[in-house]
Structures are given as C-alpha cells and as structure tokens.
Amino acid sequence: MTSALLTDRYELTMVEAALKAGTANRRSIFEVFARHLPNGRRYGVVAGTGRLLELVEQFRFGDAELDWLKANSVVDTPTLDWLANYRFNGNIWGYQEGEVYFPGSPILIVEGTFAEAVVLETLALSVLNYDSAVASAASRMVCAAEGRPIAEMGSRRASEEAAVAAARAAFIAGFSSTSNLEAGRTWGVPTMGTAAHSFTLLHDSEEQAFRAQVDALGPGTTLLVDTYDVTAAVKLAVKVAGTELGAVRIDSGDLPGQAASVRKLLDSLGATKTKITVTSDLDEYAIASLRAAPVDAYGAGTSVVTGSGSPTAGMVYKLVARVGDDGEWLSVAKKSKAKLSVGGRKVPIRQINTGVAVAEVLHVDDDPDTQESYADKGRKLLVELMTDGEADGRYTGIEGTKLARSHCANAVAELPIDAFRLTRGEPAIPTIYD
C-alpha cells in the first residue's frame, strides 16, 4: 500500500524545478498551522497525527505509480529516478495528538530537504484538516453533554475512508463509541449498534420485531421506539424485554418533551434502570438544549463527520526557514497582507496559571533542542513524532489513539471556562509571538 499519489501535481513539479535549479537539497523547515479558528470557535483539537505518521512511512513511489506518472508526462525522467528512491528521512515534531490549538499554533514542524518535505504538503493537510475539524466539533459536543456518553454514527454521511477517520477523531475528542466497524478493527474504537427502523418495518408487527431483537441480543439491548407511536412502543418494549430492558432510543420529534414523557412512563412501568438514548441530527447546540432532559446518552452523525458546519480546520503548510548559502538558518515567510505568516521555527509554550491555560507563547528559535530552556515558562507543547524518517510508535496504531484520547481530556480540562461557550467569540487564550 502506498500513499504517494494522495497528493497534488504541483508538489512533484516543484521537485522537478528544484532539482534542475540545484535547490532541492536545501535543508528546510515547514510548519502546519491555522491562521484562525473556524466559525468563531474558541479552541481547536489536533487530530490525525497518528494516521499521518503511518501514511508518511507508506509514502513510496512503486513501479505502478512511476509508470503512471511517466505515461501522463507529469515529471521528467530525472525526477522519476529521484521519486523511485524517495523515502522521507527527515524529522517531524508537533503537538501531541489530542492537544488543543489556537491561531498560529505550529501543529506540525517538518524538517528535511526541500524536496523530501514539500511532497508531504497535500497529505499532511488532507489528514490534519479533516480530522482536526471533526475532533474540534466532537469536543464541543462532549462538553455540551456534560459527562453523558455520545456515540459517533455518521458513516453514512461521509465517504468510506473519511468515515473511519471521523470515528477515530471523535473518539479522541471524547466520544464513547462508534457504529463503524473498521474504526473498531483498525483503531480500537469501541463499536455499538442494534437496529434501525427498517428492522421494525420488516416484521408483521412491532412486537414481533422487538421479540426478535431481544431473542438475539438479550433484554439489555436498546429498542427503537419511534417507528409508529412512542407511548405504545415503550409499553410494548417493557412487556417484551421486562423491566431489565437496557435502553430505548428516540430518533424523532420533540426530543426534550419526548424524553420527559418516556422517562415518566418507564418509571411507572417499573423500568427505572432503563436508559434513554436520543439521536436525530444532533449537534452541540441540540445536545446543550437537552441538558435538563432525562437523557442518558446521545448519538451524533451528520454534524460530527462534517465538523458541525466547519468541515476543514483551515490549516496551511508553509516554508518558514531554510539554510542559506552560508550554511546558516534563514527565516522566510509569505508577506502578503491577506495571508501574512511569521517566519522561523517556533517553540510553543502554554502558559498556565493555577492549572488554567492563559496564553499560547510562540518563541521564534532555530534550535529545536532549546525547547527545554523555555520549560520553566509553561507547558512545552512539541513532541518528537518522527526521527530520521522513523515514526515514534507511541503515537501510532491503537495505543497511539488511546494516548491521544487521554491527552485530549487533560488538555481540554486545562482551558478557561470561556472556552466552552457555544456562542461565537475570540480564541479562549491569546497567541503571543516572542
């Protein structure tokens, strides 16, 4: 499997031109960052890093890829020869996956030759922009749920590969489970699911459908009660499964009102331990509106896999430093007023006051080893993700996903209370360049 053609053509044509100009091997530093948070949000969540590291290791041009590039005259023969031997041998630092970020935060720092680093641009942005958008939206939903579990169930609202990535990103941000089985197999995300309305409609009666489900899955299952009449279905569900019925799911109607009525009915029937799960196009605002309702769990689909209105995190991949003819590092940056960048390698530190984040301070410093010298100024944010082209296994695979989830919970807990307001506003803490 290769990820080499998951890229834009101009990445390879830049390599061709740089090889001809003799500048392809200049040591360079690229940074991934967002100039602003989307949609007036107050913080973002980094996700996709573990996936990206694995894809970078798979970034190889085999015979099939080279033959296609040659047949379509994408690049010349010397460039094809260079691509045939390509393997990223550089170093990557970044925010630990699950970390919160703000405008200007150097999410990822890629150091290598210009040629070997520039070809990773599209891949890095494809992964980080989507996964971080999903995780950022999911985090808002988790905070709105105030400890009640949320299942990700948006596979049918995304492409097949994006669905797996979304399930992973939502889990990192605090979702409890997913309906997507591949996310369970590949990334260790707990899976869930019982039955849809079609299962009820398949049977000659709702009672027959409920009995079939309980016979197969046991009385602890979740029965969907809004195919016909909710009140009648709840009574029937308790009749079939008994008072040990695990849960009922409501997928339509006035959810706060329905939940209150169903809770009262369940209690009157003796099913006091039966939980209520609600679904139906939930986003962070709908979840927040249900805080006072007797809802035990949520299921979110379309909104979470589309970033709840912000399907991309708006991150960019920019060259910020390169080695000059004298062998010294030279800061470089785009100077256009509309898209101004700050040159130089950044050492990010989060200032903490009595356990609460108060500022994101970006120290411009060419030496990555000097991060330790800033440690007394706050919490250091960069970790070494890849050294000489080898990914740190702590941040990949199932264990890396678990670590990212744990780190996200800790990072979000560090934010000031204003970060959790759902209204549009400024970033929860300022970004300061030192």
Protein backbone atom coordinates (compact mmCIF):
# COMPACT_ATOMS: atom_id res chain seq x y z
CA MET A 1 0.00 0.00 0.00
CA THR A 2 1.31 3.46 -0.86
CA SER A 3 0.09 6.96 -0.11
CA ALA A 4 2.38 8.61 -2.69
CA LEU A 5 -0.31 9.71 -5.15
CA LEU A 6 -2.57 11.14 -2.44
CA THR A 7 -1.05 14.46 -3.38
CA ASP A 8 -1.32 17.41 -5.76
CA ARG A 9 0.57 17.55 -9.03
CA TYR A 10 2.36 20.78 -8.19
CA GLU A 11 4.21 19.11 -5.33
CA LEU A 12 6.05 16.96 -7.88
CA THR A 13 6.56 19.72 -10.44
CA MET A 14 8.16 21.84 -7.70
CA VAL A 15 10.56 18.98 -7.03
CA GLU A 16 11.41 18.78 -10.73
CA ALA A 17 12.12 22.50 -10.93
CA ALA A 18 14.14 22.49 -7.70
CA LEU A 19 16.24 19.54 -8.90
CA LYS A 20 17.05 21.43 -12.09
CA ALA A 21 17.87 24.60 -10.15
CA GLY A 22 20.10 22.79 -7.67
CA THR A 23 17.99 23.89 -4.68
CA ALA A 24 16.12 20.64 -3.98
CA ASN A 25 18.53 19.58 -1.25
CA ARG A 26 18.45 22.78 0.78
CA ARG A 27 17.55 21.99 4.37
CA SER A 28 14.09 23.40 5.04
CA ILE A 29 11.50 23.68 7.76
CA PHE A 30 7.78 23.62 7.03
CA GLU A 31 5.07 24.32 9.59
CA VAL A 32 1.42 23.37 9.67
CA PHE A 33 -0.73 25.98 11.39
CA ALA A 34 -4.11 27.68 11.19
CA ARG A 35 -4.28 31.46 10.82
CA HIS A 36 -7.60 31.49 12.66
CA LEU A 37 -10.09 29.12 14.24
CA PRO A 38 -13.14 28.31 12.12
CA ASN A 39 -16.54 29.81 12.63
CA GLY A 40 -15.73 31.96 15.65
CA ARG A 41 -14.77 28.99 17.80
CA ARG A 42 -12.68 29.35 20.92
CA TYR A 43 -10.28 26.41 20.57
CA GLY A 44 -9.45 23.54 18.24
CA VAL A 45 -8.35 19.94 18.83
CA VAL A 46 -5.43 18.36 16.96
CA ALA A 47 -6.33 15.00 15.41
CA GLY A 48 -4.98 12.85 12.60
CA THR A 49 -1.34 12.86 13.68
CA GLY A 50 -1.14 9.11 14.28
CA ARG A 51 -2.76 8.40 10.91
CA LEU A 52 -0.41 10.85 9.19
CA LEU A 53 2.75 9.29 10.62
CA GLU A 54 1.74 5.90 9.24
CA LEU A 55 0.93 7.42 5.84
CA VAL A 56 4.29 9.20 5.70
CA GLU A 57 6.03 5.87 6.26
CA GLN A 58 3.97 4.44 3.39
CA PHE A 59 4.84 7.34 1.06
CA ARG A 60 6.72 5.41 -1.66
CA PHE A 61 6.65 5.51 -5.44
CA GLY A 62 6.46 1.95 -6.76
CA ASP A 63 6.58 0.80 -10.37
CA ALA A 64 2.84 1.32 -10.88
CA GLU A 65 2.97 4.91 -9.62
CA LEU A 66 6.10 5.74 -11.60
CA ASP A 67 4.68 4.20 -14.78
CA TRP A 68 1.52 6.30 -14.43
CA LEU A 69 3.50 9.49 -13.84
CA LYS A 70 5.64 8.74 -16.90
CA ALA A 71 2.68 7.86 -19.12
CA ASN A 72 0.94 11.10 -18.18
CA SER A 73 4.09 13.26 -18.54
CA VAL A 74 3.75 14.60 -15.01
CA VAL A 75 7.52 14.96 -14.44
CA ASP A 76 10.72 14.30 -16.36
CA THR A 77 12.98 11.23 -16.20
CA PRO A 78 15.50 12.60 -13.64
CA THR A 79 12.61 13.42 -11.31
CA LEU A 80 11.13 9.95 -11.80
CA ASP A 81 14.51 8.49 -10.84
CA TRP A 82 14.54 10.68 -7.72
CA LEU A 83 10.99 9.63 -6.81
CA ALA A 84 11.87 5.95 -7.28
CA ASN A 85 14.30 6.24 -4.38
CA TYR A 86 12.11 8.51 -2.25
CA ARG A 87 11.78 7.86 1.43
CA PHE A 88 11.24 10.62 3.95
CA ASN A 89 14.41 10.72 6.06
CA GLY A 90 13.74 13.94 7.93
CA ASN A 91 12.41 14.83 11.35
CA ILE A 92 8.91 15.78 12.44
CA TRP A 93 7.88 17.49 15.65
CA GLY A 94 4.36 18.50 16.54
CA TYR A 95 1.66 19.00 19.11
CA GLN A 96 0.77 15.68 20.67
CA GLU A 97 -2.39 14.34 19.11
CA GLY A 98 -5.38 15.37 21.21
CA GLU A 99 -3.76 18.68 22.16
CA VAL A 100 -5.82 21.86 21.87
CA TYR A 101 -4.56 24.52 19.48
CA PHE A 102 -5.08 28.19 18.65
CA PRO A 103 -4.31 30.56 15.75
CA GLY A 104 -0.64 30.28 14.79
CA SER A 105 0.00 27.11 16.81
CA PRO A 106 2.69 25.08 14.98
CA ILE A 107 0.70 21.86 14.85
CA LEU A 108 3.41 20.11 12.85
CA ILE A 109 7.05 21.01 12.12
CA VAL A 110 8.67 19.11 9.24
CA GLU A 111 12.43 19.35 8.73
CA GLY A 112 14.26 17.83 5.79
CA THR A 113 15.47 18.77 2.35
CA PHE A 114 13.07 20.98 0.45
CA ALA A 115 12.22 18.18 -1.98
CA GLU A 116 11.54 15.47 0.57
CA ALA A 117 9.48 17.76 2.77
CA VAL A 118 7.44 19.66 0.17
CA VAL A 119 5.92 16.49 -1.31
CA LEU A 120 4.22 15.79 2.04
CA GLU A 121 2.19 19.01 1.98
CA THR A 122 -1.04 17.74 0.48
CA LEU A 123 -1.03 14.54 2.51
CA ALA A 124 -0.40 16.36 5.79
CA LEU A 125 -3.12 18.92 5.17
CA SER A 126 -5.64 16.35 3.93
CA VAL A 127 -5.32 14.37 7.14
CA LEU A 128 -4.92 17.15 9.72
CA ASN A 129 -7.54 19.50 8.28
CA TYR A 130 -10.30 16.91 8.23
CA ASP A 131 -9.50 15.00 11.39
CA SER A 132 -8.96 18.18 13.43
CA ALA A 133 -12.24 19.65 12.14
CA VAL A 134 -14.10 16.54 13.30
CA ALA A 135 -12.29 16.40 16.66
CA SER A 136 -12.91 20.10 17.29
CA ALA A 137 -16.64 19.71 16.65
CA ALA A 138 -16.76 16.49 18.66
CA SER A 139 -15.08 18.15 21.63
CA ARG A 140 -17.76 20.84 21.70
CA MET A 141 -20.43 18.13 21.73
CA VAL A 142 -18.67 16.23 24.52
CA CYS A 143 -18.51 19.37 26.63
CA ALA A 144 -22.18 20.12 25.94
CA ALA A 145 -23.11 16.58 27.02
CA GLU A 146 -21.59 17.18 30.46
CA GLY A 147 -20.41 13.62 31.06
CA ARG A 148 -23.17 11.74 29.27
CA PRO A 149 -21.81 9.38 26.57
CA ILE A 150 -22.05 10.15 22.86
CA ALA A 151 -21.80 7.57 20.10
CA GLU A 152 -20.46 8.51 16.65
CA MET A 153 -22.81 7.22 13.96
CA GLY A 154 -22.09 9.31 10.86
CA SER A 155 -20.55 6.77 8.46
CA ARG A 156 -23.41 7.13 6.00
CA ARG A 157 -22.80 10.87 5.82
CA ALA A 158 -19.14 10.66 4.78
CA SER A 159 -17.00 8.83 2.23
CA GLU A 160 -15.99 5.35 3.26
CA GLU A 161 -12.42 6.30 4.26
CA ALA A 162 -13.40 9.60 5.85
CA ALA A 163 -15.95 7.72 7.95
CA VAL A 164 -13.19 5.70 9.61
CA ALA A 165 -11.05 8.79 10.18
CA ALA A 166 -14.03 10.66 11.64
CA ALA A 167 -14.84 7.86 14.06
CA ARG A 168 -11.23 7.88 15.28
CA ALA A 169 -11.12 11.68 15.62
CA ALA A 170 -14.41 11.79 17.52
CA PHE A 171 -13.17 9.07 19.89
CA ILE A 172 -10.00 11.06 20.58
CA ALA A 173 -12.17 14.08 21.43
CA GLY A 174 -14.17 12.09 23.96
CA PHE A 175 -16.95 10.20 22.12
CA SER A 176 -17.60 6.85 23.77
CA SER A 177 -18.06 4.61 20.73
CA THR A 178 -18.75 4.39 17.00
CA SER A 179 -21.04 2.48 14.69
CA ASN A 180 -18.14 1.98 12.23
CA LEU A 181 -16.62 -1.50 12.41
CA GLU A 182 -13.42 -0.62 10.53
CA ALA A 183 -12.68 2.08 13.08
CA GLY A 184 -13.04 -0.61 15.72
CA ARG A 185 -10.70 -3.01 13.95
CA THR A 186 -8.03 -0.53 12.87
CA TRP A 187 -8.02 1.96 15.73
CA GLY A 188 -9.59 0.14 18.66
CA VAL A 189 -12.62 2.42 18.95
CA PRO A 190 -15.44 0.63 20.85
CA THR A 191 -18.31 -0.21 18.50
CA MET A 192 -22.05 -0.15 19.12
CA GLY A 193 -25.33 -0.66 17.25
CA THR A 194 -28.57 -2.59 17.41
CA ALA A 195 -31.34 -1.98 14.84
CA ALA A 196 -32.85 0.62 12.52
CA HIS A 197 -36.43 1.40 11.63
CA SER A 198 -36.18 -1.00 8.68
CA PHE A 199 -35.89 -3.90 11.12
CA THR A 200 -39.22 -2.98 12.70
CA LEU A 201 -40.84 -2.48 9.31
CA LEU A 202 -39.58 -5.90 8.17
CA HIS A 203 -41.79 -7.69 10.68
CA ASP A 204 -45.54 -8.11 10.72
CA SER A 205 -45.82 -6.21 13.99
CA GLU A 206 -43.70 -4.06 16.26
CA GLU A 207 -43.99 -6.69 18.97
CA GLN A 208 -42.62 -9.34 16.63
CA ALA A 209 -39.68 -7.09 15.79
CA PHE A 210 -38.94 -6.37 19.46
CA ARG A 211 -39.10 -10.07 20.35
CA ALA A 212 -36.74 -10.96 17.53
CA GLN A 213 -34.22 -8.36 18.70
CA VAL A 214 -34.46 -9.35 22.36
CA ASP A 215 -34.13 -13.04 21.45
CA ALA A 216 -30.94 -12.26 19.52
CA LEU A 217 -29.33 -9.61 21.71
CA GLY A 218 -30.88 -10.10 25.13
CA PRO A 219 -33.03 -7.81 27.29
CA GLY A 220 -30.14 -5.40 27.78
CA THR A 221 -30.44 -4.26 24.18
CA THR A 222 -31.68 -0.85 23.01
CA LEU A 223 -35.10 -0.84 21.34
CA LEU A 224 -36.03 1.86 18.84
CA VAL A 225 -39.43 3.19 19.89
CA ASP A 226 -40.44 5.88 17.40
CA THR A 227 -41.31 3.87 14.29
CA TYR A 228 -45.02 4.24 14.98
CA ASP A 229 -46.35 5.52 18.32
CA VAL A 230 -43.76 6.20 21.02
CA THR A 231 -46.03 5.64 24.02
CA ALA A 232 -47.35 2.34 22.71
CA ALA A 233 -43.85 1.23 21.73
CA VAL A 234 -42.38 1.94 25.19
CA LYS A 235 -45.13 -0.09 26.85
CA LEU A 236 -44.55 -2.89 24.35
CA ALA A 237 -40.77 -2.75 24.85
CA VAL A 238 -41.11 -3.27 28.61
CA LYS A 239 -43.67 -6.01 28.05
CA VAL A 240 -41.29 -7.89 25.74
CA ALA A 241 -37.94 -7.29 27.47
CA GLY A 242 -39.13 -6.84 31.03
CA THR A 243 -38.07 -4.17 33.47
CA GLU A 244 -34.41 -5.03 32.82
CA LEU A 245 -34.64 -3.52 29.33
CA GLY A 246 -31.31 -1.84 28.65
CA ALA A 247 -32.46 1.28 26.81
CA VAL A 248 -34.91 2.84 24.41
CA ARG A 249 -33.88 5.08 21.55
CA ILE A 250 -35.83 8.11 20.31
CA ASP A 251 -34.90 9.32 16.85
CA SER A 252 -37.51 11.97 16.02
CA GLY A 253 -39.96 14.51 17.33
CA ASP A 254 -39.69 16.99 20.18
CA LEU A 255 -36.75 15.33 21.90
CA PRO A 256 -36.89 17.15 25.27
CA GLY A 257 -40.63 16.59 25.57
CA GLN A 258 -40.43 13.01 24.32
CA ALA A 259 -37.61 12.17 26.73
CA ALA A 260 -39.54 13.55 29.71
CA SER A 261 -42.68 11.61 28.79
CA VAL A 262 -40.76 8.39 28.14
CA ARG A 263 -38.88 8.65 31.44
CA LYS A 264 -42.11 9.09 33.35
CA LEU A 265 -43.68 6.15 31.53
CA LEU A 266 -40.69 3.86 32.04
CA ASP A 267 -40.63 4.62 35.76
CA SER A 268 -44.37 3.95 36.06
CA LEU A 269 -43.82 0.57 34.40
CA GLY A 270 -41.06 -0.35 36.83
CA ALA A 271 -38.25 0.04 34.29
CA THR A 272 -36.43 2.59 36.41
CA LYS A 273 -32.99 1.48 35.25
CA THR A 274 -33.83 1.56 31.53
CA LYS A 275 -31.85 4.33 29.88
CA ILE A 276 -32.97 6.79 27.21
CA THR A 277 -30.80 7.42 24.16
CA VAL A 278 -31.64 10.17 21.66
CA THR A 279 -30.36 10.64 18.13
CA SER A 280 -31.82 12.62 15.19
CA ASP A 281 -29.28 15.05 13.63
CA LEU A 282 -27.79 16.18 16.93
CA ASP A 283 -25.12 18.86 17.09
CA GLU A 284 -23.58 20.67 20.07
CA TYR A 285 -26.48 23.12 20.27
CA ALA A 286 -29.13 20.38 20.28
CA ILE A 287 -27.18 18.43 22.88
CA ALA A 288 -26.88 21.53 25.07
CA SER A 289 -30.65 22.07 24.79
CA LEU A 290 -31.17 18.57 26.22
CA ARG A 291 -29.12 19.12 29.37
CA ALA A 292 -32.20 19.39 31.57
CA ALA A 293 -33.99 16.48 29.90
CA PRO A 294 -33.77 12.94 31.34
CA VAL A 295 -31.48 11.75 28.56
CA ASP A 296 -28.76 9.22 29.37
CA ALA A 297 -26.85 9.04 26.07
CA TYR A 298 -26.65 10.61 22.63
CA GLY A 299 -25.87 9.54 19.10
CA ALA A 300 -24.42 12.09 16.64
CA GLY A 301 -23.91 11.56 12.94
CA THR A 302 -24.02 14.16 10.18
CA SER A 303 -22.92 17.07 12.32
CA VAL A 304 -19.81 15.45 13.74
CA VAL A 305 -18.46 14.00 10.47
CA THR A 306 -18.91 17.38 8.75
CA GLY A 307 -17.25 19.36 11.53
CA SER A 308 -20.60 20.81 12.62
CA GLY A 309 -20.55 23.44 9.90
CA SER A 310 -16.75 23.70 9.63
CA PRO A 311 -15.62 20.71 7.54
CA THR A 312 -11.99 21.85 7.46
CA ALA A 313 -9.70 23.29 10.11
CA GLY A 314 -8.21 25.78 7.64
CA MET A 315 -4.63 24.70 8.27
CA VAL A 316 -1.79 25.58 5.88
CA TYR A 317 1.68 24.12 5.25
CA LYS A 318 4.26 26.86 4.90
CA LEU A 319 8.02 27.08 4.50
CA VAL A 320 9.25 29.12 7.48
CA ALA A 321 13.02 28.58 7.39
CA ARG A 322 15.76 27.25 5.13
CA VAL A 323 19.52 27.04 5.13
CA GLY A 324 21.19 29.87 3.22
CA ASP A 325 24.34 29.75 1.10
CA ASP A 326 26.40 30.42 4.23
CA GLY A 327 25.03 27.31 5.94
CA GLU A 328 23.05 29.29 8.50
CA TRP A 329 19.29 29.06 9.01
CA LEU A 330 17.35 31.85 7.33
CA SER A 331 13.80 32.74 8.36
CA VAL A 332 11.40 33.07 5.42
CA ALA A 333 7.70 33.94 5.27
CA LYS A 334 4.93 34.98 2.95
CA LYS A 335 4.36 38.73 3.33
CA SER A 336 1.05 39.32 1.57
CA LYS A 337 -1.24 41.28 3.90
CA ALA A 338 -4.19 38.95 3.49
CA LYS A 339 -2.16 35.84 4.33
CA LEU A 340 0.68 37.05 6.50
CA SER A 341 2.96 34.41 8.01
CA VAL A 342 5.65 34.59 10.68
CA GLY A 343 8.98 33.12 9.65
CA GLY A 344 11.33 31.00 11.72
CA ARG A 345 11.00 27.78 13.66
CA LYS A 346 8.61 28.16 16.60
CA VAL A 347 8.97 26.74 20.11
CA PRO A 348 5.44 26.83 21.57
CA ILE A 349 4.85 27.03 25.31
CA ARG A 350 1.46 27.17 27.02
CA GLN A 351 1.43 29.47 29.99
CA ILE A 352 -0.52 28.04 32.92
CA ASN A 353 -1.78 29.89 35.97
CA THR A 354 -3.15 27.79 38.85
CA GLY A 355 -3.92 24.95 36.47
CA VAL A 356 -5.63 27.09 33.82
CA ALA A 357 -4.18 27.99 30.43
CA VAL A 358 -3.73 31.76 29.99
CA ALA A 359 -1.64 32.17 26.82
CA GLU A 360 -0.01 30.40 23.87
CA VAL A 361 3.51 31.79 23.57
CA LEU A 362 5.46 31.06 20.38
CA HIS A 363 9.20 31.60 20.81
CA VAL A 364 10.92 32.01 17.43
CA ASP A 365 14.11 29.94 17.73
CA ASP A 366 16.08 27.99 15.13
CA ASP A 367 17.29 25.31 17.55
CA PRO A 368 14.72 22.61 18.40
CA ASP A 369 16.82 21.50 21.36
CA THR A 370 16.23 24.83 23.08
CA GLN A 371 12.63 23.85 23.88
CA GLU A 372 13.85 22.70 27.29
CA SER A 373 15.19 26.19 28.05
CA TYR A 374 11.64 27.53 27.85
CA ALA A 375 10.14 24.80 30.02
CA ASP A 376 10.07 26.97 33.14
CA LYS A 377 7.81 29.41 31.31
CA GLY A 378 4.94 26.93 30.97
CA ARG A 379 3.99 23.57 29.49
CA LYS A 380 6.02 22.59 26.45
CA LEU A 381 3.86 21.53 23.54
CA LEU A 382 6.16 19.91 20.98
CA VAL A 383 6.95 16.20 20.97
CA GLU A 384 9.25 14.32 18.59
CA LEU A 385 6.98 12.39 16.26
CA MET A 386 9.45 11.15 13.66
CA THR A 387 13.25 10.94 13.72
CA ASP A 388 15.27 10.24 10.56
CA GLY A 389 12.09 9.06 8.88
CA GLU A 390 11.09 6.63 11.66
CA ALA A 391 7.83 7.29 13.49
CA ASP A 392 7.68 7.10 17.27
CA GLY A 393 5.45 4.08 17.84
CA ARG A 394 3.91 5.61 20.94
CA TYR A 395 1.85 7.89 18.72
CA THR A 396 0.61 5.39 16.12
CA GLY A 397 -1.83 2.49 16.00
CA ILE A 398 -4.40 1.59 18.63
CA GLU A 399 -2.19 2.54 21.56
CA GLY A 400 -1.45 5.91 19.99
CA THR A 401 -5.18 6.52 19.61
CA LYS A 402 -5.78 5.72 23.28
CA LEU A 403 -2.94 8.03 24.28
CA ALA A 404 -4.39 10.85 22.15
CA ARG A 405 -7.80 10.43 23.80
CA SER A 406 -6.27 10.65 27.26
CA HIS A 407 -4.17 13.66 26.32
CA CYS A 408 -7.19 15.45 24.86
CA ALA A 409 -9.16 15.08 28.08
CA ASN A 410 -6.29 16.59 30.05
CA ALA A 411 -5.69 19.43 27.59
CA VAL A 412 -9.37 20.42 27.45
CA ALA A 413 -9.58 20.34 31.25
CA GLU A 414 -6.83 22.98 31.31
CA LEU A 415 -8.88 25.52 29.33
CA PRO A 416 -10.58 28.54 30.93
CA ILE A 417 -14.34 28.35 31.37
CA ASP A 418 -14.96 30.78 28.49
CA ALA A 419 -13.61 28.16 26.08
CA PHE A 420 -16.79 26.12 26.45
CA ARG A 421 -19.29 28.78 25.43
CA LEU A 422 -21.07 27.79 22.23
CA THR A 423 -21.56 31.35 21.05
CA ARG A 424 -19.15 32.86 18.52
CA GLY A 425 -16.17 34.50 20.16
CA GLU A 426 -12.45 35.07 20.25
CA PRO A 427 -9.94 32.28 20.96
CA ALA A 428 -10.03 31.25 24.62
CA ILE A 429 -6.41 32.33 25.11
CA PRO A 430 -4.22 34.72 23.10
CA THR A 431 -1.33 33.70 20.86
CA ILE A 432 1.80 35.70 21.64
CA TYR A 433 4.95 35.75 19.48
CA ASP A 434 8.16 36.22 21.44
